[in-house]
Amino acid sequence: MSLEKQDVLKIAHLARLSLDDNDAEQYQNSLTSILDLVEQMQSVDTNGVEPLSNPLEAKQRLRDDVVTEGNRRNAFLANAPQTEAGLFLVPQVIE
């Protein structure tokens, strides 16, 4: 697949890039070679080839969700300057 210079300028405009004529020619060659490589890869016969493993299908080995420490809420609230109904009270910062 070959790109024309106008195609490259249109792509640059859509990507909000400013290109001069020299840059457009260089990008035209680069983009054309990339598209040729993609076309070559798509022409490969992959029938019978087993797909690679996908990390999204893997299961994580997680530990059991058990409580390892007791409730220490009252001990933490005892250190606070002001508390109310089991919550820390702080000065108002937004009026």
PDB file of N, CA and C in Angstrom:
ATOM      1  N   MET A   1       0.849  -1.168   0.000  1.00  0.00           N
ATOM      2  CA  MET A   1       0.000   0.000   0.000  1.00  0.00           C
ATOM      3  C   MET A   1       0.898   1.235   0.000  1.00  0.00           C
ATOM      4  N   SER A   2       0.627   2.129  -0.890  1.00  0.00           N
ATOM      5  CA  SER A   2       1.453   3.317  -1.021  1.00  0.00           C
ATOM      6  C   SER A   2       0.639   4.555  -0.659  1.00  0.00           C
ATOM      7  N   LEU A   3       1.238   5.403   0.140  1.00  0.00           N
ATOM      8  CA  LEU A   3       0.586   6.659   0.512  1.00  0.00           C
ATOM      9  C   LEU A   3       1.077   7.777  -0.396  1.00  0.00           C
ATOM     10  N   GLU A   4       0.185   8.654  -0.722  1.00  0.00           N
ATOM     11  CA  GLU A   4       0.548   9.847  -1.476  1.00  0.00           C
ATOM     12  C   GLU A   4       0.904  10.955  -0.496  1.00  0.00           C
ATOM     13  N   LYS A   5       1.529  11.982  -1.041  1.00  0.00           N
ATOM     14  CA  LYS A   5       1.938  13.110  -0.203  1.00  0.00           C
ATOM     15  C   LYS A   5       0.714  13.790   0.422  1.00  0.00           C
ATOM     16  N   GLN A   6      -0.377  13.854  -0.335  1.00  0.00           N
ATOM     17  CA  GLN A   6      -1.609  14.469   0.182  1.00  0.00           C
ATOM     18  C   GLN A   6      -2.170  13.667   1.359  1.00  0.00           C
ATOM     19  N   ASP A   7      -2.024  12.334   1.299  1.00  0.00           N
ATOM     20  CA  ASP A   7      -2.481  11.486   2.404  1.00  0.00           C
ATOM     21  C   ASP A   7      -1.690  11.787   3.678  1.00  0.00           C
ATOM     22  N   VAL A   8      -0.388  11.945   3.517  1.00  0.00           N
ATOM     23  CA  VAL A   8       0.464  12.246   4.669  1.00  0.00           C
ATOM     24  C   VAL A   8       0.105  13.601   5.257  1.00  0.00           C
ATOM     25  N   LEU A   9      -0.126  14.581   4.411  1.00  0.00           N
ATOM     26  CA  LEU A   9      -0.503  15.920   4.900  1.00  0.00           C
ATOM     27  C   LEU A   9      -1.861  15.884   5.597  1.00  0.00           C
ATOM     28  N   LYS A  10      -2.777  15.074   5.088  1.00  0.00           N
ATOM     29  CA  LYS A  10      -4.087  14.954   5.734  1.00  0.00           C
ATOM     30  C   LYS A  10      -3.952  14.285   7.104  1.00  0.00           C
ATOM     31  N   ILE A  11      -3.138  13.236   7.186  1.00  0.00           N
ATOM     32  CA  ILE A  11      -2.898  12.564   8.469  1.00  0.00           C
ATOM     33  C   ILE A  11      -2.254  13.533   9.452  1.00  0.00           C
ATOM     34  N   ALA A  12      -1.290  14.323   8.973  1.00  0.00           N
ATOM     35  CA  ALA A  12      -0.634  15.304   9.831  1.00  0.00           C
ATOM     36  C   ALA A  12      -1.633  16.342  10.320  1.00  0.00           C
ATOM     37  N   HIS A  13      -2.536  16.763   9.452  1.00  0.00           N
ATOM     38  CA  HIS A  13      -3.555  17.735   9.863  1.00  0.00           C
ATOM     39  C   HIS A  13      -4.475  17.139  10.934  1.00  0.00           C
ATOM     40  N   LEU A  14      -4.894  15.900  10.744  1.00  0.00           N
ATOM     41  CA  LEU A  14      -5.757  15.246  11.726  1.00  0.00           C
ATOM     42  C   LEU A  14      -5.058  15.066  13.069  1.00  0.00           C
ATOM     43  N   ALA A  15      -3.731  14.864  13.016  1.00  0.00           N
ATOM     44  CA  ALA A  15      -2.953  14.697  14.248  1.00  0.00           C
ATOM     45  C   ALA A  15      -2.473  16.039  14.801  1.00  0.00           C
ATOM     46  N   ARG A  16      -2.865  17.104  14.139  1.00  0.00           N
ATOM     47  CA  ARG A  16      -2.484  18.463  14.553  1.00  0.00           C
ATOM     48  C   ARG A  16      -0.969  18.654  14.556  1.00  0.00           C
ATOM     49  N   LEU A  17      -0.333  18.144  13.481  1.00  0.00           N
ATOM     50  CA  LEU A  17       1.105  18.296  13.300  1.00  0.00           C
ATOM     51  C   LEU A  17       1.354  19.209  12.111  1.00  0.00           C
ATOM     52  N   SER A  18       2.361  20.035  12.224  1.00  0.00           N
ATOM     53  CA  SER A  18       2.709  20.885  11.078  1.00  0.00           C
ATOM     54  C   SER A  18       3.931  20.276  10.400  1.00  0.00           C
ATOM     55  N   LEU A  19       3.786  20.006   9.112  1.00  0.00           N
ATOM     56  CA  LEU A  19       4.863  19.410   8.339  1.00  0.00           C
ATOM     57  C   LEU A  19       5.182  20.288   7.141  1.00  0.00           C
ATOM     58  N   ASP A  20       6.466  20.442   6.840  1.00  0.00           N
ATOM     59  CA  ASP A  20       6.818  21.099   5.586  1.00  0.00           C
ATOM     60  C   ASP A  20       6.984  20.021   4.515  1.00  0.00           C
ATOM     61  N   ASP A  21       7.289  20.419   3.300  1.00  0.00           N
ATOM     62  CA  ASP A  21       7.336  19.462   2.183  1.00  0.00           C
ATOM     63  C   ASP A  21       8.412  18.398   2.365  1.00  0.00           C
ATOM     64  N   ASN A  22       9.567  18.789   2.892  1.00  0.00           N
ATOM     65  CA  ASN A  22      10.637  17.810   3.092  1.00  0.00           C
ATOM     66  C   ASN A  22      10.244  16.757   4.121  1.00  0.00           C
ATOM     67  N   ASP A  23       9.642  17.210   5.214  1.00  0.00           N
ATOM     68  CA  ASP A  23       9.200  16.266   6.242  1.00  0.00           C
ATOM     69  C   ASP A  23       8.098  15.359   5.712  1.00  0.00           C
ATOM     70  N   ALA A  24       7.201  15.914   4.912  1.00  0.00           N
ATOM     71  CA  ALA A  24       6.097  15.118   4.372  1.00  0.00           C
ATOM     72  C   ALA A  24       6.634  13.984   3.507  1.00  0.00           C
ATOM     73  N   GLU A  25       7.681  14.238   2.722  1.00  0.00           N
ATOM     74  CA  GLU A  25       8.253  13.186   1.879  1.00  0.00           C
ATOM     75  C   GLU A  25       8.908  12.093   2.724  1.00  0.00           C
ATOM     76  N   GLN A  26       9.604  12.496   3.780  1.00  0.00           N
ATOM     77  CA  GLN A  26      10.229  11.503   4.660  1.00  0.00           C
ATOM     78  C   GLN A  26       9.175  10.649   5.355  1.00  0.00           C
ATOM     79  N   TYR A  27       8.131  11.300   5.854  1.00  0.00           N
ATOM     80  CA  TYR A  27       7.058  10.553   6.517  1.00  0.00           C
ATOM     81  C   TYR A  27       6.297   9.687   5.522  1.00  0.00           C
ATOM     82  N   GLN A  28       6.192  10.141   4.292  1.00  0.00           N
ATOM     83  CA  GLN A  28       5.527   9.339   3.269  1.00  0.00           C
ATOM     84  C   GLN A  28       6.270   8.023   3.078  1.00  0.00           C
ATOM     85  N   ASN A  29       7.584   8.082   2.996  1.00  0.00           N
ATOM     86  CA  ASN A  29       8.370   6.861   2.838  1.00  0.00           C
ATOM     87  C   ASN A  29       8.265   5.971   4.071  1.00  0.00           C
ATOM     88  N   SER A  30       8.346   6.577   5.253  1.00  0.00           N
ATOM     89  CA  SER A  30       8.288   5.793   6.492  1.00  0.00           C
ATOM     90  C   SER A  30       6.927   5.132   6.669  1.00  0.00           C
ATOM     91  N   LEU A  31       5.871   5.895   6.476  1.00  0.00           N
ATOM     92  CA  LEU A  31       4.524   5.347   6.653  1.00  0.00           C
ATOM     93  C   LEU A  31       4.220   4.272   5.606  1.00  0.00           C
ATOM     94  N   THR A  32       4.693   4.476   4.398  1.00  0.00           N
ATOM     95  CA  THR A  32       4.479   3.468   3.358  1.00  0.00           C
ATOM     96  C   THR A  32       5.183   2.161   3.713  1.00  0.00           C
ATOM     97  N   SER A  33       6.416   2.252   4.223  1.00  0.00           N
ATOM     98  CA  SER A  33       7.123   1.022   4.595  1.00  0.00           C
ATOM     99  C   SER A  33       6.441   0.338   5.773  1.00  0.00           C
ATOM    100  N   ILE A  34       5.888   1.100   6.712  1.00  0.00           N
ATOM    101  CA  ILE A  34       5.162   0.505   7.842  1.00  0.00           C
ATOM    102  C   ILE A  34       3.914  -0.207   7.341  1.00  0.00           C
ATOM    103  N   LEU A  35       3.164   0.445   6.463  1.00  0.00           N
ATOM    104  CA  LEU A  35       1.945  -0.172   5.937  1.00  0.00           C
ATOM    105  C   LEU A  35       2.268  -1.403   5.090  1.00  0.00           C
ATOM    106  N   ASP A  36       3.389  -1.377   4.375  1.00  0.00           N
ATOM    107  CA  ASP A  36       3.803  -2.561   3.622  1.00  0.00           C
ATOM    108  C   ASP A  36       4.128  -3.722   4.559  1.00  0.00           C
ATOM    109  N   LEU A  37       4.776  -3.423   5.677  1.00  0.00           N
ATOM    110  CA  LEU A  37       5.088  -4.463   6.655  1.00  0.00           C
ATOM    111  C   LEU A  37       3.807  -5.051   7.244  1.00  0.00           C
ATOM    112  N   VAL A  38       2.826  -4.206   7.557  1.00  0.00           N
ATOM    113  CA  VAL A  38       1.550  -4.692   8.096  1.00  0.00           C
ATOM    114  C   VAL A  38       0.856  -5.567   7.062  1.00  0.00           C
ATOM    115  N   GLU A  39       0.886  -5.152   5.816  1.00  0.00           N
ATOM    116  CA  GLU A  39       0.266  -5.949   4.755  1.00  0.00           C
ATOM    117  C   GLU A  39       0.967  -7.299   4.601  1.00  0.00           C
ATOM    118  N   GLN A  40       2.283  -7.285   4.724  1.00  0.00           N
ATOM    119  CA  GLN A  40       3.053  -8.530   4.635  1.00  0.00           C
ATOM    120  C   GLN A  40       2.713  -9.450   5.807  1.00  0.00           C
ATOM    121  N   MET A  41       2.556  -8.892   7.002  1.00  0.00           N
ATOM    122  CA  MET A  41       2.218  -9.696   8.174  1.00  0.00           C
ATOM    123  C   MET A  41       0.812 -10.264   8.066  1.00  0.00           C
ATOM    124  N   GLN A  42      -0.111  -9.519   7.463  1.00  0.00           N
ATOM    125  CA  GLN A  42      -1.477 -10.016   7.325  1.00  0.00           C
ATOM    126  C   GLN A  42      -1.575 -11.137   6.299  1.00  0.00           C
ATOM    127  N   SER A  43      -0.613 -11.218   5.390  1.00  0.00           N
ATOM    128  CA  SER A  43      -0.665 -12.258   4.371  1.00  0.00           C
ATOM    129  C   SER A  43      -0.138 -13.602   4.870  1.00  0.00           C
ATOM    130  N   VAL A  44       0.416 -13.650   6.077  1.00  0.00           N
ATOM    131  CA  VAL A  44       0.960 -14.894   6.625  1.00  0.00           C
ATOM    132  C   VAL A  44      -0.189 -15.825   7.003  1.00  0.00           C
ATOM    133  N   ASP A  45      -0.075 -17.092   6.634  1.00  0.00           N
ATOM    134  CA  ASP A  45      -1.093 -18.088   6.962  1.00  0.00           C
ATOM    135  C   ASP A  45      -0.910 -18.525   8.415  1.00  0.00           C
ATOM    136  N   THR A  46      -1.890 -18.240   9.250  1.00  0.00           N
ATOM    137  CA  THR A  46      -1.808 -18.578  10.669  1.00  0.00           C
ATOM    138  C   THR A  46      -2.771 -19.703  11.052  1.00  0.00           C
ATOM    139  N   ASN A  47      -3.293 -20.409  10.081  1.00  0.00           N
ATOM    140  CA  ASN A  47      -4.183 -21.535  10.391  1.00  0.00           C
ATOM    141  C   ASN A  47      -3.397 -22.611  11.114  1.00  0.00           C
ATOM    142  N   GLY A  48      -3.929 -23.104  12.194  1.00  0.00           N
ATOM    143  CA  GLY A  48      -3.288 -24.158  12.954  1.00  0.00           C
ATOM    144  C   GLY A  48      -2.267 -23.651  13.962  1.00  0.00           C
ATOM    145  N   VAL A  49      -2.051 -22.361  14.017  1.00  0.00           N
ATOM    146  CA  VAL A  49      -1.108 -21.804  14.984  1.00  0.00           C
ATOM    147  C   VAL A  49      -1.874 -21.477  16.259  1.00  0.00           C
ATOM    148  N   GLU A  50      -1.427 -22.035  17.355  1.00  0.00           N
ATOM    149  CA  GLU A  50      -2.098 -21.808  18.624  1.00  0.00           C
ATOM    150  C   GLU A  50      -1.734 -20.421  19.164  1.00  0.00           C
ATOM    151  N   PRO A  51      -2.723 -19.651  19.606  1.00  0.00           N
ATOM    152  CA  PRO A  51      -2.421 -18.312  20.114  1.00  0.00           C
ATOM    153  C   PRO A  51      -1.560 -18.369  21.372  1.00  0.00           C
ATOM    154  N   LEU A  52      -0.825 -17.300  21.592  1.00  0.00           N
ATOM    155  CA  LEU A  52      -0.011 -17.205  22.798  1.00  0.00           C
ATOM    156  C   LEU A  52      -0.895 -17.023  24.013  1.00  0.00           C
ATOM    157  N   SER A  53      -0.336 -17.226  25.177  1.00  0.00           N
ATOM    158  CA  SER A  53      -1.121 -17.055  26.398  1.00  0.00           C
ATOM    159  C   SER A  53      -1.426 -15.581  26.609  1.00  0.00           C
ATOM    160  N   ASN A  54      -2.540 -15.331  27.243  1.00  0.00           N
ATOM    161  CA  ASN A  54      -2.988 -13.968  27.502  1.00  0.00           C
ATOM    162  C   ASN A  54      -2.930 -13.716  28.998  1.00  0.00           C
ATOM    163  N   PRO A  55      -2.251 -12.658  29.449  1.00  0.00           N
ATOM    164  CA  PRO A  55      -2.151 -12.425  30.889  1.00  0.00           C
ATOM    165  C   PRO A  55      -3.497 -12.083  31.526  1.00  0.00           C
ATOM    166  N   LEU A  56      -4.456 -11.645  30.729  1.00  0.00           N
ATOM    167  CA  LEU A  56      -5.760 -11.316  31.299  1.00  0.00           C
ATOM    168  C   LEU A  56      -6.543 -12.562  31.692  1.00  0.00           C
ATOM    169  N   GLU A  57      -6.174 -13.692  31.132  1.00  0.00           N
ATOM    170  CA  GLU A  57      -6.861 -14.943  31.460  1.00  0.00           C
ATOM    171  C   GLU A  57      -6.237 -15.652  32.657  1.00  0.00           C
ATOM    172  N   ALA A  58      -5.116 -15.156  33.139  1.00  0.00           N
ATOM    173  CA  ALA A  58      -4.418 -15.807  34.248  1.00  0.00           C
ATOM    174  C   ALA A  58      -5.162 -15.575  35.561  1.00  0.00           C
ATOM    175  N   LYS A  59      -5.081 -16.546  36.437  1.00  0.00           N
ATOM    176  CA  LYS A  59      -5.690 -16.429  37.761  1.00  0.00           C
ATOM    177  C   LYS A  59      -4.602 -16.072  38.759  1.00  0.00           C
ATOM    178  N   GLN A  60      -4.898 -15.132  39.631  1.00  0.00           N
ATOM    179  CA  GLN A  60      -3.937 -14.746  40.655  1.00  0.00           C
ATOM    180  C   GLN A  60      -4.096 -15.644  41.874  1.00  0.00           C
ATOM    181  N   ARG A  61      -2.972 -15.997  42.449  1.00  0.00           N
ATOM    182  CA  ARG A  61      -3.007 -16.765  43.686  1.00  0.00           C
ATOM    183  C   ARG A  61      -3.048 -15.771  44.829  1.00  0.00           C
ATOM    184  N   LEU A  62      -4.197 -15.669  45.464  1.00  0.00           N
ATOM    185  CA  LEU A  62      -4.391 -14.707  46.536  1.00  0.00           C
ATOM    186  C   LEU A  62      -4.440 -15.422  47.877  1.00  0.00           C
ATOM    187  N   ARG A  63      -4.015 -14.730  48.913  1.00  0.00           N
ATOM    188  CA  ARG A  63      -4.094 -15.308  50.250  1.00  0.00           C
ATOM    189  C   ARG A  63      -5.531 -15.198  50.752  1.00  0.00           C
ATOM    190  N   ASP A  64      -5.845 -15.972  51.747  1.00  0.00           N
ATOM    191  CA  ASP A  64      -7.171 -15.918  52.338  1.00  0.00           C
ATOM    192  C   ASP A  64      -7.377 -14.574  53.018  1.00  0.00           C
ATOM    193  N   ASP A  65      -8.584 -14.056  52.905  1.00  0.00           N
ATOM    194  CA  ASP A  65      -8.924 -12.774  53.500  1.00  0.00           C
ATOM    195  C   ASP A  65      -9.393 -13.003  54.933  1.00  0.00           C
ATOM    196  N   VAL A  66      -8.456 -12.935  55.860  1.00  0.00           N
ATOM    197  CA  VAL A  66      -8.782 -13.135  57.268  1.00  0.00           C
ATOM    198  C   VAL A  66      -8.286 -11.938  58.073  1.00  0.00           C
ATOM    199  N   VAL A  67      -8.962 -11.662  59.169  1.00  0.00           N
ATOM    200  CA  VAL A  67      -8.576 -10.572  60.050  1.00  0.00           C
ATOM    201  C   VAL A  67      -7.338 -10.990  60.825  1.00  0.00           C
ATOM    202  N   THR A  68      -6.302 -10.151  60.776  1.00  0.00           N
ATOM    203  CA  THR A  68      -5.066 -10.483  61.488  1.00  0.00           C
ATOM    204  C   THR A  68      -4.815  -9.555  62.657  1.00  0.00           C
ATOM    205  N   GLU A  69      -5.585  -8.480  62.757  1.00  0.00           N
ATOM    206  CA  GLU A  69      -5.401  -7.534  63.848  1.00  0.00           C
ATOM    207  C   GLU A  69      -6.776  -7.099  64.343  1.00  0.00           C
ATOM    208  N   GLY A  70      -6.904  -6.956  65.633  1.00  0.00           N
ATOM    209  CA  GLY A  70      -8.188  -6.578  66.210  1.00  0.00           C
ATOM    210  C   GLY A  70      -8.519  -5.102  65.997  1.00  0.00           C
ATOM    211  N   ASN A  71      -9.714  -4.732  66.410  1.00  0.00           N
ATOM    212  CA  ASN A  71     -10.179  -3.352  66.280  1.00  0.00           C
ATOM    213  C   ASN A  71      -9.465  -2.471  67.302  1.00  0.00           C
ATOM    214  N   ARG A  72      -8.713  -1.483  66.837  1.00  0.00           N
ATOM    215  CA  ARG A  72      -7.985  -0.576  67.718  1.00  0.00           C
ATOM    216  C   ARG A  72      -8.507   0.852  67.592  1.00  0.00           C
ATOM    217  N   ARG A  73      -9.753   0.992  67.203  1.00  0.00           N
ATOM    218  CA  ARG A  73     -10.340   2.303  66.968  1.00  0.00           C
ATOM    219  C   ARG A  73     -10.276   3.183  68.205  1.00  0.00           C
ATOM    220  N   ASN A  74     -10.661   2.666  69.333  1.00  0.00           N
ATOM    221  CA  ASN A  74     -10.670   3.474  70.556  1.00  0.00           C
ATOM    222  C   ASN A  74      -9.265   3.922  70.958  1.00  0.00           C
ATOM    223  N   ALA A  75      -8.274   3.078  70.727  1.00  0.00           N
ATOM    224  CA  ALA A  75      -6.892   3.462  71.045  1.00  0.00           C
ATOM    225  C   ALA A  75      -6.437   4.608  70.157  1.00  0.00           C
ATOM    226  N   PHE A  76      -6.805   4.593  68.892  1.00  0.00           N
ATOM    227  CA  PHE A  76      -6.417   5.670  67.983  1.00  0.00           C
ATOM    228  C   PHE A  76      -7.177   6.952  68.291  1.00  0.00           C
ATOM    229  N   LEU A  77      -8.472   6.821  68.606  1.00  0.00           N
ATOM    230  CA  LEU A  77      -9.269   8.004  68.926  1.00  0.00           C
ATOM    231  C   LEU A  77      -8.829   8.652  70.239  1.00  0.00           C
ATOM    232  N   ALA A  78      -8.248   7.878  71.140  1.00  0.00           N
ATOM    233  CA  ALA A  78      -7.783   8.417  72.418  1.00  0.00           C
ATOM    234  C   ALA A  78      -6.645   9.416  72.208  1.00  0.00           C
ATOM    235  N   ASN A  79      -5.885   9.282  71.136  1.00  0.00           N
ATOM    236  CA  ASN A  79      -4.767  10.181  70.842  1.00  0.00           C
ATOM    237  C   ASN A  79      -5.200  11.467  70.139  1.00  0.00           C
ATOM    238  N   ALA A  80      -6.439  11.524  69.650  1.00  0.00           N
ATOM    239  CA  ALA A  80      -6.896  12.690  68.883  1.00  0.00           C
ATOM    240  C   ALA A  80      -7.305  13.813  69.827  1.00  0.00           C
ATOM    241  N   PRO A  81      -7.056  15.080  69.419  1.00  0.00           N
ATOM    242  CA  PRO A  81      -7.453  16.205  70.268  1.00  0.00           C
ATOM    243  C   PRO A  81      -8.973  16.321  70.411  1.00  0.00           C
ATOM    244  N   GLN A  82      -9.714  16.063  69.304  1.00  0.00           N
ATOM    245  CA  GLN A  82     -11.177  16.158  69.366  1.00  0.00           C
ATOM    246  C   GLN A  82     -11.788  15.016  68.562  1.00  0.00           C
ATOM    247  N   THR A  83     -12.806  14.397  69.137  1.00  0.00           N
ATOM    248  CA  THR A  83     -13.537  13.335  68.451  1.00  0.00           C
ATOM    249  C   THR A  83     -15.017  13.496  68.727  1.00  0.00           C
ATOM    250  N   GLU A  84     -15.805  12.899  67.865  1.00  0.00           N
ATOM    251  CA  GLU A  84     -17.253  12.906  68.067  1.00  0.00           C
ATOM    252  C   GLU A  84     -17.842  11.722  67.319  1.00  0.00           C
ATOM    253  N   ALA A  85     -18.609  10.906  67.994  1.00  0.00           N
ATOM    254  CA  ALA A  85     -19.295   9.741  67.427  1.00  0.00           C
ATOM    255  C   ALA A  85     -18.316   8.819  66.697  1.00  0.00           C
ATOM    256  N   GLY A  86     -17.120   8.650  67.256  1.00  0.00           N
ATOM    257  CA  GLY A  86     -16.146   7.743  66.668  1.00  0.00           C
ATOM    258  C   GLY A  86     -15.404   8.325  65.479  1.00  0.00           C
ATOM    259  N   LEU A  87     -15.455   9.640  65.269  1.00  0.00           N
ATOM    260  CA  LEU A  87     -14.782  10.286  64.147  1.00  0.00           C
ATOM    261  C   LEU A  87     -13.800  11.332  64.647  1.00  0.00           C
ATOM    262  N   PHE A  88     -12.762  11.624  63.881  1.00  0.00           N
ATOM    263  CA  PHE A  88     -11.830  12.690  64.178  1.00  0.00           C
ATOM    264  C   PHE A  88     -12.473  14.013  63.785  1.00  0.00           C
ATOM    265  N   LEU A  89     -12.360  15.017  64.636  1.00  0.00           N
ATOM    266  CA  LEU A  89     -12.830  16.358  64.295  1.00  0.00           C
ATOM    267  C   LEU A  89     -11.626  17.209  63.913  1.00  0.00           C
ATOM    268  N   VAL A  90     -11.760  17.923  62.795  1.00  0.00           N
ATOM    269  CA  VAL A  90     -10.695  18.786  62.314  1.00  0.00           C
ATOM    270  C   VAL A  90     -11.262  20.182  62.099  1.00  0.00           C
ATOM    271  N   PRO A  91     -10.404  21.217  62.120  1.00  0.00           N
ATOM    272  CA  PRO A  91     -10.909  22.561  61.884  1.00  0.00           C
ATOM    273  C   PRO A  91     -11.436  22.708  60.461  1.00  0.00           C
ATOM    274  N   GLN A  92     -12.424  23.567  60.291  1.00  0.00           N
ATOM    275  CA  GLN A  92     -12.997  23.804  58.981  1.00  0.00           C
ATOM    276  C   GLN A  92     -11.999  24.568  58.126  1.00  0.00           C
ATOM    277  N   VAL A  93     -11.757  24.109  56.898  1.00  0.00           N
ATOM    278  CA  VAL A  93     -10.791  24.756  56.032  1.00  0.00           C
ATOM    279  C   VAL A  93     -11.433  25.424  54.828  1.00  0.00           C
ATOM    280  N   ILE A  94     -12.686  25.127  54.540  1.00  0.00           N
ATOM    281  CA  ILE A  94     -13.402  25.751  53.422  1.00  0.00           C
ATOM    282  C   ILE A  94     -14.608  26.477  54.000  1.00  0.00           C
ATOM    283  N   GLU A  95     -14.751  27.719  53.608  1.00  0.00           N
ATOM    284  CA  GLU A  95     -15.890  28.505  54.109  1.00  0.00           C
ATOM    285  C   GLU A  95     -17.034  28.461  53.158  1.00  0.00           C
TER     286      GLU A  95
END
